[in-house]
PDB file of N, CA and C in Angstrom:
ATOM      1  N   MET A   1      78.531  70.564 107.092  1.00  0.00           N
ATOM      2  CA  MET A   1      79.187  71.789 107.507  1.00  0.00           C
ATOM      3  C   MET A   1      78.101  72.851 107.697  1.00  0.00           C
ATOM      4  N   SER A   2      78.163  73.600 108.813  1.00  0.00           N
ATOM      5  CA  SER A   2      77.176  74.644 109.071  1.00  0.00           C
ATOM      6  C   SER A   2      77.390  75.809 108.110  1.00  0.00           C
ATOM      7  N   SER A   3      76.389  76.705 108.074  1.00  0.00           N
ATOM      8  CA  SER A   3      76.510  77.842 107.155  1.00  0.00           C
ATOM      9  C   SER A   3      77.652  78.761 107.558  1.00  0.00           C
ATOM     10  N   SER A   4      77.884  78.934 108.879  1.00  0.00           N
ATOM     11  CA  SER A   4      79.011  79.779 109.297  1.00  0.00           C
ATOM     12  C   SER A   4      80.337  79.082 108.997  1.00  0.00           C
ATOM     13  N   GLY A   5      80.357  77.727 109.118  1.00  0.00           N
ATOM     14  CA  GLY A   5      81.570  76.984 108.788  1.00  0.00           C
ATOM     15  C   GLY A   5      81.884  77.046 107.308  1.00  0.00           C
ATOM     16  N   SER A   6      80.853  76.944 106.461  1.00  0.00           N
ATOM     17  CA  SER A   6      81.092  77.015 105.014  1.00  0.00           C
ATOM     18  C   SER A   6      81.482  78.415 104.593  1.00  0.00           C
ATOM     19  N   ARG A   7      80.932  79.431 105.280  1.00  0.00           N
ATOM     20  CA  ARG A   7      81.308  80.813 104.969  1.00  0.00           C
ATOM     21  C   ARG A   7      82.779  81.025 105.318  1.00  0.00           C
ATOM     22  N   GLN A   8      83.190  80.531 106.495  1.00  0.00           N
ATOM     23  CA  GLN A   8      84.589  80.663 106.914  1.00  0.00           C
ATOM     24  C   GLN A   8      85.507  79.912 105.947  1.00  0.00           C
ATOM     25  N   PHE A   9      85.072  78.752 105.501  1.00  0.00           N
ATOM     26  CA  PHE A   9      85.826  77.968 104.529  1.00  0.00           C
ATOM     27  C   PHE A   9      86.039  78.772 103.241  1.00  0.00           C
ATOM     28  N   LEU A  10      84.964  79.398 102.733  1.00  0.00           N
ATOM     29  CA  LEU A  10      85.057  80.186 101.501  1.00  0.00           C
ATOM     30  C   LEU A  10      85.936  81.414 101.692  1.00  0.00           C
ATOM     31  N   VAL A  11      85.795  82.080 102.829  1.00  0.00           N
ATOM     32  CA  VAL A  11      86.600  83.275 103.092  1.00  0.00           C
ATOM     33  C   VAL A  11      88.083  82.918 103.144  1.00  0.00           C
ATOM     34  N   CYS A  12      88.401  81.814 103.797  1.00  0.00           N
ATOM     35  CA  CYS A  12      89.808  81.407 103.890  1.00  0.00           C
ATOM     36  C   CYS A  12      90.381  81.037 102.530  1.00  0.00           C
ATOM     37  N   HIS A  13      89.585  80.360 101.714  1.00  0.00           N
ATOM     38  CA  HIS A  13      90.061  80.032 100.368  1.00  0.00           C
ATOM     39  C   HIS A  13      90.245  81.297  99.530  1.00  0.00           C
ATOM     40  N   ALA A  14      89.369  82.274  99.730  1.00  0.00           N
ATOM     41  CA  ALA A  14      89.521  83.542  99.026  1.00  0.00           C
ATOM     42  C   ALA A  14      90.804  84.239  99.469  1.00  0.00           C
ATOM     43  N   CYS A  15      91.107  84.181 100.765  1.00  0.00           N
ATOM     44  CA  CYS A  15      92.341  84.787 101.281  1.00  0.00           C
ATOM     45  C   CYS A  15      93.574  84.113 100.684  1.00  0.00           C
ATOM     46  N   VAL A  16      93.538  82.806 100.596  1.00  0.00           N
ATOM     47  CA  VAL A  16      94.659  82.067 100.009  1.00  0.00           C
ATOM     48  C   VAL A  16      94.827  82.465  98.546  1.00  0.00           C
ATOM     49  N   PHE A  17      93.718  82.592  97.822  1.00  0.00           N
ATOM     50  CA  PHE A  17      93.763  82.991  96.414  1.00  0.00           C
ATOM     51  C   PHE A  17      94.391  84.375  96.268  1.00  0.00           C
ATOM     52  N   VAL A  18      93.941  85.335  97.102  1.00  0.00           N
ATOM     53  CA  VAL A  18      94.488  86.695  97.044  1.00  0.00           C
ATOM     54  C   VAL A  18      95.977  86.669  97.380  1.00  0.00           C
ATOM     55  N   PHE A  19      96.365  85.888  98.381  1.00  0.00           N
ATOM     56  CA  PHE A  19      97.782  85.788  98.756  1.00  0.00           C
ATOM     57  C   PHE A  19      98.609  85.259  97.593  1.00  0.00           C
ATOM     58  N   LEU A  20      98.126  84.192  96.947  1.00  0.00           N
ATOM     59  CA  LEU A  20      98.867  83.620  95.817  1.00  0.00           C
ATOM     60  C   LEU A  20      98.971  84.600  94.658  1.00  0.00           C
ATOM     61  N   CYS A  21      97.887  85.327  94.381  1.00  0.00           N
ATOM     62  CA  CYS A  21      97.936  86.335  93.318  1.00  0.00           C
ATOM     63  C   CYS A  21      98.951  87.417  93.647  1.00  0.00           C
ATOM     64  N   THR A  22      98.996  87.826  94.917  1.00  0.00           N
ATOM     65  CA  THR A  22      99.958  88.839  95.337  1.00  0.00           C
ATOM     66  C   THR A  22     101.393  88.354  95.151  1.00  0.00           C
ATOM     67  N   VAL A  23     101.643  87.112  95.518  1.00  0.00           N
ATOM     68  CA  VAL A  23     102.980  86.538  95.357  1.00  0.00           C
ATOM     69  C   VAL A  23     103.362  86.493  93.885  1.00  0.00           C
ATOM     70  N   LEU A  24     102.426  86.069  93.044  1.00  0.00           N
ATOM     71  CA  LEU A  24     102.713  85.985  91.606  1.00  0.00           C
ATOM     72  C   LEU A  24     102.975  87.353  91.012  1.00  0.00           C
ATOM     73  N   LEU A  25     102.188  88.356  91.412  1.00  0.00           N
ATOM     74  CA  LEU A  25     102.398  89.704  90.887  1.00  0.00           C
ATOM     75  C   LEU A  25     103.719  90.288  91.368  1.00  0.00           C
ATOM     76  N   ALA A  26     104.078  90.007  92.613  1.00  0.00           N
ATOM     77  CA  ALA A  26     105.342  90.519  93.151  1.00  0.00           C
ATOM     78  C   ALA A  26     106.540  89.882  92.469  1.00  0.00           C
ATOM     79  N   ALA A  27     106.339  88.697  91.914  1.00  0.00           N
ATOM     80  CA  ALA A  27     107.438  87.985  91.269  1.00  0.00           C
ATOM     81  C   ALA A  27     107.715  88.491  89.858  1.00  0.00           C
ATOM     82  N   GLN A  28     106.862  89.367  89.320  1.00  0.00           N
ATOM     83  CA  GLN A  28     107.082  89.884  87.973  1.00  0.00           C
ATOM     84  C   GLN A  28     108.356  90.729  87.950  1.00  0.00           C
ATOM     85  N   PRO A  29     109.010  90.771  86.801  1.00  0.00           N
ATOM     86  CA  PRO A  29     110.224  91.583  86.694  1.00  0.00           C
ATOM     87  C   PRO A  29     109.931  93.067  86.902  1.00  0.00           C
ATOM     88  N   ARG A  30     110.908  93.779  87.417  1.00  0.00           N
ATOM     89  CA  ARG A  30     110.769  95.225  87.646  1.00  0.00           C
ATOM     90  C   ARG A  30     110.491  95.983  86.355  1.00  0.00           C
ATOM     91  N   ILE A  31     110.922  95.456  85.231  1.00  0.00           N
ATOM     92  CA  ILE A  31     110.690  96.129  83.948  1.00  0.00           C
ATOM     93  C   ILE A  31     109.195  96.283  83.702  1.00  0.00           C
ATOM     94  N   ALA A  32     108.422  95.252  84.024  1.00  0.00           N
ATOM     95  CA  ALA A  32     106.975  95.307  83.815  1.00  0.00           C
ATOM     96  C   ALA A  32     106.344  96.366  84.714  1.00  0.00           C
ATOM     97  N   GLN A  33     106.901  96.572  85.909  1.00  0.00           N
ATOM     98  CA  GLN A  33     106.345  97.562  86.816  1.00  0.00           C
ATOM     99  C   GLN A  33     106.646  98.985  86.369  1.00  0.00           C
ATOM    100  N   SER A  34     107.636  99.172  85.521  1.00  0.00           N
ATOM    101  CA  SER A  34     107.977 100.515  85.079  1.00  0.00           C
ATOM    102  C   SER A  34     107.041 101.011  83.989  1.00  0.00           C
ATOM    103  N   ARG A  35     106.247 100.127  83.425  1.00  0.00           N
ATOM    104  CA  ARG A  35     105.288 100.525  82.386  1.00  0.00           C
ATOM    105  C   ARG A  35     104.140 101.307  83.020  1.00  0.00           C
ATOM    106  N   GLN A  36     103.802 102.424  82.415  1.00  0.00           N
ATOM    107  CA  GLN A  36     102.704 103.242  82.918  1.00  0.00           C
ATOM    108  C   GLN A  36     101.368 102.544  82.655  1.00  0.00           C
ATOM    109  N   VAL A  37     100.479 102.591  83.646  1.00  0.00           N
ATOM    110  CA  VAL A  37      99.134 102.036  83.512  1.00  0.00           C
ATOM    111  C   VAL A  37      98.153 103.174  83.734  1.00  0.00           C
ATOM    112  N   VAL A  38      97.214 103.344  82.803  1.00  0.00           N
ATOM    113  CA  VAL A  38      96.201 104.387  82.907  1.00  0.00           C
ATOM    114  C   VAL A  38      94.834 103.716  82.914  1.00  0.00           C
ATOM    115  N   ILE A  39      94.082 103.936  83.988  1.00  0.00           N
ATOM    116  CA  ILE A  39      92.725 103.405  84.095  1.00  0.00           C
ATOM    117  C   ILE A  39      91.787 104.596  83.960  1.00  0.00           C
ATOM    118  N   SER A  40      91.058 104.651  82.844  1.00  0.00           N
ATOM    119  CA  SER A  40      90.220 105.819  82.577  1.00  0.00           C
ATOM    120  C   SER A  40      88.753 105.533  82.870  1.00  0.00           C
ATOM    121  N   HIS A  41      88.030 106.591  83.209  1.00  0.00           N
ATOM    122  CA  HIS A  41      86.577 106.546  83.445  1.00  0.00           C
ATOM    123  C   HIS A  41      86.188 105.521  84.504  1.00  0.00           C
ATOM    124  N   VAL A  42      86.964 105.426  85.575  1.00  0.00           N
ATOM    125  CA  VAL A  42      86.698 104.462  86.643  1.00  0.00           C
ATOM    126  C   VAL A  42      86.144 105.198  87.867  1.00  0.00           C
ATOM    127  N   ASN A  43      85.309 104.533  88.628  1.00  0.00           N
ATOM    128  CA  ASN A  43      84.789 105.075  89.885  1.00  0.00           C
ATOM    129  C   ASN A  43      85.736 104.638  90.998  1.00  0.00           C
ATOM    130  N   VAL A  44      86.309 105.615  91.707  1.00  0.00           N
ATOM    131  CA  VAL A  44      87.304 105.336  92.737  1.00  0.00           C
ATOM    132  C   VAL A  44      86.632 105.367  94.111  1.00  0.00           C
ATOM    133  N   VAL A  45      86.882 104.324  94.897  1.00  0.00           N
ATOM    134  CA  VAL A  45      86.347 104.240  96.260  1.00  0.00           C
ATOM    135  C   VAL A  45      87.510 104.523  97.219  1.00  0.00           C
ATOM    136  N   PRO A  46      87.627 105.778  97.701  1.00  0.00           N
ATOM    137  CA  PRO A  46      88.719 106.092  98.617  1.00  0.00           C
ATOM    138  C   PRO A  46      88.390 105.591 100.024  1.00  0.00           C
ATOM    139  N   MET A  47      89.403 105.265 100.784  1.00  0.00           N
ATOM    140  CA  MET A  47      89.172 104.775 102.143  1.00  0.00           C
ATOM    141  C   MET A  47      89.121 105.910 103.160  1.00  0.00           C
ATOM    142  N   ASP A  48      89.379 107.142 102.717  1.00  0.00           N
ATOM    143  CA  ASP A  48      89.369 108.275 103.643  1.00  0.00           C
ATOM    144  C   ASP A  48      88.157 109.180 103.448  1.00  0.00           C
ATOM    145  N   ALA A  49      87.171 108.717 102.690  1.00  0.00           N
ATOM    146  CA  ALA A  49      85.976 109.525 102.443  1.00  0.00           C
ATOM    147  C   ALA A  49      84.749 108.616 102.406  1.00  0.00           C
ATOM    148  N   GLU A  50      83.598 109.228 102.605  1.00  0.00           N
ATOM    149  CA  GLU A  50      82.345 108.470 102.647  1.00  0.00           C
ATOM    150  C   GLU A  50      81.587 108.553 101.322  1.00  0.00           C
ATOM    151  N   HIS A  51      82.291 108.782 100.239  1.00  0.00           N
ATOM    152  CA  HIS A  51      81.634 108.861  98.931  1.00  0.00           C
ATOM    153  C   HIS A  51      82.542 108.275  97.851  1.00  0.00           C
ATOM    154  N   VAL A  52      81.967 108.076  96.686  1.00  0.00           N
ATOM    155  CA  VAL A  52      82.704 107.524  95.546  1.00  0.00           C
ATOM    156  C   VAL A  52      83.107 108.677  94.629  1.00  0.00           C
ATOM    157  N   LEU A  53      84.346 108.642  94.145  1.00  0.00           N
ATOM    158  CA  LEU A  53      84.816 109.631  93.172  1.00  0.00           C
ATOM    159  C   LEU A  53      84.495 109.080  91.787  1.00  0.00           C
ATOM    160  N   ASN A  54      83.467 109.615  91.161  1.00  0.00           N
ATOM    161  CA  ASN A  54      82.984 109.095  89.886  1.00  0.00           C
ATOM    162  C   ASN A  54      83.814 109.587  88.700  1.00  0.00           C
ATOM    163  N   ASP A  55      83.928 108.732  87.700  1.00  0.00           N
ATOM    164  CA  ASP A  55      84.535 109.051  86.401  1.00  0.00           C
ATOM    165  C   ASP A  55      85.914 109.696  86.529  1.00  0.00           C
ATOM    166  N   ARG A  56      86.846 108.983  87.136  1.00  0.00           N
ATOM    167  CA  ARG A  56      88.212 109.480  87.316  1.00  0.00           C
ATOM    168  C   ARG A  56      89.185 108.732  86.409  1.00  0.00           C
ATOM    169  N   THR A  57      90.341 109.328  86.227  1.00  0.00           N
ATOM    170  CA  THR A  57      91.442 108.673  85.532  1.00  0.00           C
ATOM    171  C   THR A  57      92.550 108.462  86.556  1.00  0.00           C
ATOM    172  N   VAL A  58      93.018 107.214  86.662  1.00  0.00           N
ATOM    173  CA  VAL A  58      94.065 106.869  87.621  1.00  0.00           C
ATOM    174  C   VAL A  58      95.309 106.472  86.834  1.00  0.00           C
ATOM    175  N   VAL A  59      96.426 107.093  87.168  1.00  0.00           N
ATOM    176  CA  VAL A  59      97.697 106.807  86.506  1.00  0.00           C
ATOM    177  C   VAL A  59      98.609 106.101  87.507  1.00  0.00           C
ATOM    178  N   VAL A  60      99.126 104.939  87.111  1.00  0.00           N
ATOM    179  CA  VAL A  60     100.045 104.174  87.946  1.00  0.00           C
ATOM    180  C   VAL A  60     101.398 104.159  87.248  1.00  0.00           C
ATOM    181  N   GLU A  61     102.426 104.605  87.974  1.00  0.00           N
ATOM    182  CA  GLU A  61     103.791 104.624  87.444  1.00  0.00           C
ATOM    183  C   GLU A  61     104.718 103.945  88.445  1.00  0.00           C
ATOM    184  N   ASN A  62     105.558 103.064  87.961  1.00  0.00           N
ATOM    185  CA  ASN A  62     106.505 102.335  88.817  1.00  0.00           C
ATOM    186  C   ASN A  62     105.801 101.597  89.953  1.00  0.00           C
ATOM    187  N   GLY A  63     104.614 101.083  89.668  1.00  0.00           N
ATOM    188  CA  GLY A  63     103.888 100.285  90.649  1.00  0.00           C
ATOM    189  C   GLY A  63     103.151 101.073  91.709  1.00  0.00           C
ATOM    190  N   LYS A  64     103.125 102.409  91.596  1.00  0.00           N
ATOM    191  CA  LYS A  64     102.445 103.247  92.586  1.00  0.00           C
ATOM    192  C   LYS A  64     101.512 104.233  91.894  1.00  0.00           C
ATOM    193  N   ILE A  65     100.418 104.588  92.577  1.00  0.00           N
ATOM    194  CA  ILE A  65      99.490 105.567  92.019  1.00  0.00           C
ATOM    195  C   ILE A  65     100.195 106.916  91.951  1.00  0.00           C
ATOM    196  N   ALA A  66     100.276 107.465  90.753  1.00  0.00           N
ATOM    197  CA  ALA A  66     100.948 108.749  90.541  1.00  0.00           C
ATOM    198  C   ALA A  66      99.953 109.896  90.504  1.00  0.00           C
ATOM    199  N   LYS A  67      98.735 109.624  89.993  1.00  0.00           N
ATOM    200  CA  LYS A  67      97.776 110.713  89.822  1.00  0.00           C
ATOM    201  C   LYS A  67      96.361 110.158  89.746  1.00  0.00           C
ATOM    202  N   ILE A  68      95.432 110.891  90.336  1.00  0.00           N
ATOM    203  CA  ILE A  68      93.998 110.635  90.165  1.00  0.00           C
ATOM    204  C   ILE A  68      93.395 111.955  89.734  1.00  0.00           C
ATOM    205  N   SER A  69      92.780 111.976  88.560  1.00  0.00           N
ATOM    206  CA  SER A  69      92.245 113.241  88.060  1.00  0.00           C
ATOM    207  C   SER A  69      90.836 113.069  87.514  1.00  0.00           C
ATOM    208  N   GLU A  70      90.151 114.199  87.378  1.00  0.00           N
ATOM    209  CA  GLU A  70      88.789 114.188  86.853  1.00  0.00           C
ATOM    210  C   GLU A  70      88.756 114.075  85.338  1.00  0.00           C
ATOM    211  N   GLY A  71      89.724 114.635  84.669  1.00  0.00           N
ATOM    212  CA  GLY A  71      89.720 114.644  83.211  1.00  0.00           C
ATOM    213  C   GLY A  71      90.632 113.594  82.620  1.00  0.00           C
ATOM    214  N   GLU A  72      90.739 113.641  81.313  1.00  0.00           N
ATOM    215  CA  GLU A  72      91.647 112.730  80.608  1.00  0.00           C
ATOM    216  C   GLU A  72      93.090 113.118  80.909  1.00  0.00           C
ATOM    217  N   VAL A  73      93.940 112.125  80.960  1.00  0.00           N
ATOM    218  CA  VAL A  73      95.366 112.335  81.193  1.00  0.00           C
ATOM    219  C   VAL A  73      96.110 111.739  80.010  1.00  0.00           C
ATOM    220  N   PRO A  74      97.040 112.496  79.411  1.00  0.00           N
ATOM    221  CA  PRO A  74      97.793 111.928  78.308  1.00  0.00           C
ATOM    222  C   PRO A  74      98.623 110.735  78.787  1.00  0.00           C
ATOM    223  N   ALA A  75      98.521 109.633  78.084  1.00  0.00           N
ATOM    224  CA  ALA A  75      99.243 108.414  78.452  1.00  0.00           C
ATOM    225  C   ALA A  75     100.554 108.332  77.683  1.00  0.00           C
ATOM    226  N   ALA A  76     101.518 107.666  78.283  1.00  0.00           N
ATOM    227  CA  ALA A  76     102.789 107.418  77.599  1.00  0.00           C
ATOM    228  C   ALA A  76     102.523 106.542  76.370  1.00  0.00           C
ATOM    229  N   LYS A  77     103.435 106.583  75.421  1.00  0.00           N
ATOM    230  CA  LYS A  77     103.263 105.851  74.168  1.00  0.00           C
ATOM    231  C   LYS A  77     103.083 104.350  74.391  1.00  0.00           C
ATOM    232  N   ASP A  78     103.821 103.776  75.354  1.00  0.00           N
ATOM    233  CA  ASP A  78     103.748 102.335  75.597  1.00  0.00           C
ATOM    234  C   ASP A  78     102.864 101.981  76.798  1.00  0.00           C
ATOM    235  N   ALA A  79     102.043 102.926  77.258  1.00  0.00           N
ATOM    236  CA  ALA A  79     101.219 102.707  78.449  1.00  0.00           C
ATOM    237  C   ALA A  79     100.136 101.660  78.193  1.00  0.00           C
ATOM    238  N   LEU A  80      99.788 100.955  79.248  1.00  0.00           N
ATOM    239  CA  LEU A  80      98.657 100.045  79.219  1.00  0.00           C
ATOM    240  C   LEU A  80      97.446 100.873  79.624  1.00  0.00           C
ATOM    241  N   VAL A  81      96.489 101.049  78.722  1.00  0.00           N
ATOM    242  CA  VAL A  81      95.303 101.862  78.986  1.00  0.00           C
ATOM    243  C   VAL A  81      94.116 100.919  79.197  1.00  0.00           C
ATOM    244  N   ILE A  82      93.456 101.074  80.344  1.00  0.00           N
ATOM    245  CA  ILE A  82      92.323 100.219  80.702  1.00  0.00           C
ATOM    246  C   ILE A  82      91.079 101.083  80.791  1.00  0.00           C
ATOM    247  N   ASP A  83      90.023 100.674  80.091  1.00  0.00           N
ATOM    248  CA  ASP A  83      88.746 101.384  80.157  1.00  0.00           C
ATOM    249  C   ASP A  83      87.982 100.875  81.372  1.00  0.00           C
ATOM    250  N   GLY A  84      87.785 101.762  82.349  1.00  0.00           N
ATOM    251  CA  GLY A  84      87.137 101.364  83.593  1.00  0.00           C
ATOM    252  C   GLY A  84      85.669 101.754  83.678  1.00  0.00           C
ATOM    253  N   ARG A  85      85.030 102.053  82.536  1.00  0.00           N
ATOM    254  CA  ARG A  85      83.619 102.460  82.563  1.00  0.00           C
ATOM    255  C   ARG A  85      82.761 101.415  83.265  1.00  0.00           C
ATOM    256  N   GLY A  86      81.972 101.884  84.231  1.00  0.00           N
ATOM    257  CA  GLY A  86      81.081 101.001  84.957  1.00  0.00           C
ATOM    258  C   GLY A  86      81.767 100.140  86.002  1.00  0.00           C
ATOM    259  N   LYS A  87      83.050 100.384  86.237  1.00  0.00           N
ATOM    260  CA  LYS A  87      83.807  99.572  87.188  1.00  0.00           C
ATOM    261  C   LYS A  87      84.241 100.441  88.373  1.00  0.00           C
ATOM    262  N   TYR A  88      84.658  99.780  89.450  1.00  0.00           N
ATOM    263  CA  TYR A  88      85.088 100.465  90.662  1.00  0.00           C
ATOM    264  C   TYR A  88      86.519 100.061  90.993  1.00  0.00           C
ATOM    265  N   LEU A  89      87.295 101.024  91.480  1.00  0.00           N
ATOM    266  CA  LEU A  89      88.682 100.795  91.865  1.00  0.00           C
ATOM    267  C   LEU A  89      88.817 101.140  93.338  1.00  0.00           C
ATOM    268  N   MET A  90      89.328 100.180  94.112  1.00  0.00           N
ATOM    269  CA  MET A  90      89.505 100.413  95.540  1.00  0.00           C
ATOM    270  C   MET A  90      90.752  99.704  96.025  1.00  0.00           C
ATOM    271  N   PRO A  91      91.273 100.117  97.180  1.00  0.00           N
ATOM    272  CA  PRO A  91      92.457  99.442  97.713  1.00  0.00           C
ATOM    273  C   PRO A  91      92.163  97.981  98.003  1.00  0.00           C
ATOM    274  N   GLY A  92      93.207  97.161  97.947  1.00  0.00           N
ATOM    275  CA  GLY A  92      93.042  95.753  98.297  1.00  0.00           C
ATOM    276  C   GLY A  92      92.753  95.614  99.776  1.00  0.00           C
ATOM    277  N   LEU A  93      91.800  94.765 100.112  1.00  0.00           N
ATOM    278  CA  LEU A  93      91.432  94.543 101.503  1.00  0.00           C
ATOM    279  C   LEU A  93      91.688  93.091 101.850  1.00  0.00           C
ATOM    280  N   ALA A  94      92.036  92.827 103.070  1.00  0.00           N
ATOM    281  CA  ALA A  94      92.265  91.455 103.520  1.00  0.00           C
ATOM    282  C   ALA A  94      91.505  91.214 104.811  1.00  0.00           C
ATOM    283  N   ASP A  95      91.061  90.005 105.009  1.00  0.00           N
ATOM    284  CA  ASP A  95      90.330  89.633 106.208  1.00  0.00           C
ATOM    285  C   ASP A  95      91.328  89.115 107.226  1.00  0.00           C
ATOM    286  N   SER A  96      91.589  89.903 108.268  1.00  0.00           N
ATOM    287  CA  SER A  96      92.596  89.515 109.253  1.00  0.00           C
ATOM    288  C   SER A  96      92.181  88.279 110.041  1.00  0.00           C
ATOM    289  N   ALA A  97      90.895  88.008 110.136  1.00  0.00           N
ATOM    290  CA  ALA A  97      90.435  86.813 110.852  1.00  0.00           C
ATOM    291  C   ALA A  97      90.867  85.547 110.119  1.00  0.00           C
ATOM    292  N   CYS A  98      90.954  85.623 108.805  1.00  0.00           N
ATOM    293  CA  CYS A  98      91.366  84.464 108.019  1.00  0.00           C
ATOM    294  C   CYS A  98      92.826  84.127 108.287  1.00  0.00           C
ATOM    295  N   ALA A  99      93.668  85.119 108.408  1.00  0.00           N
ATOM    296  CA  ALA A  99      95.094  84.864 108.625  1.00  0.00           C
ATOM    297  C   ALA A  99      95.338  84.185 109.958  1.00  0.00           C
ATOM    298  N   SER A 100      94.516  84.486 110.943  1.00  0.00           N
ATOM    299  CA  SER A 100      94.732  83.893 112.263  1.00  0.00           C
ATOM    300  C   SER A 100      94.507  82.390 112.247  1.00  0.00           C
ATOM    301  N   ILE A 101      93.738  81.884 111.318  1.00  0.00           N
ATOM    302  CA  ILE A 101      93.493  80.450 111.214  1.00  0.00           C
ATOM    303  C   ILE A 101      94.783  79.717 110.847  1.00  0.00           C
ATOM    304  N   PHE A 102      95.615  80.320 110.017  1.00  0.00           N
ATOM    305  CA  PHE A 102      96.821  79.680 109.549  1.00  0.00           C
ATOM    306  C   PHE A 102      97.940  79.700 110.592  1.00  0.00           C
ATOM    307  N   PHE A 103      97.827  80.574 111.578  1.00  0.00           N
ATOM    308  CA  PHE A 103      98.926  80.743 112.530  1.00  0.00           C
ATOM    309  C   PHE A 103      98.541  80.362 113.961  1.00  0.00           C
ATOM    310  N   ARG A 104      97.588  79.475 114.128  1.00  0.00           N
ATOM    311  CA  ARG A 104      97.178  79.039 115.473  1.00  0.00           C
ATOM    312  C   ARG A 104      98.179  78.108 116.050  1.00  0.00           C
TER     313      ARG A 104
END
């Protein structure tokens, strides 16, 4: 297999993995999605800017981003708190070229 063929093979398998993870996460009960998730001290990579927002706190409520702030945010009593120090948070991206292989 050529290097471009093996790269395409790996990319497609990665796409399948992401798709399966998405399906599994979507299958979780709505109760789990209602739990507040707080990711603190994370570097956020926005898609509408050319820079990284360093050391932010991201609050997710009902499966959607509710707040991105510079300081600490009080978490709900039953919230899942994730320490994001040294980590980056960005929107999920998909390779559209990979999907076309499955639908030829």
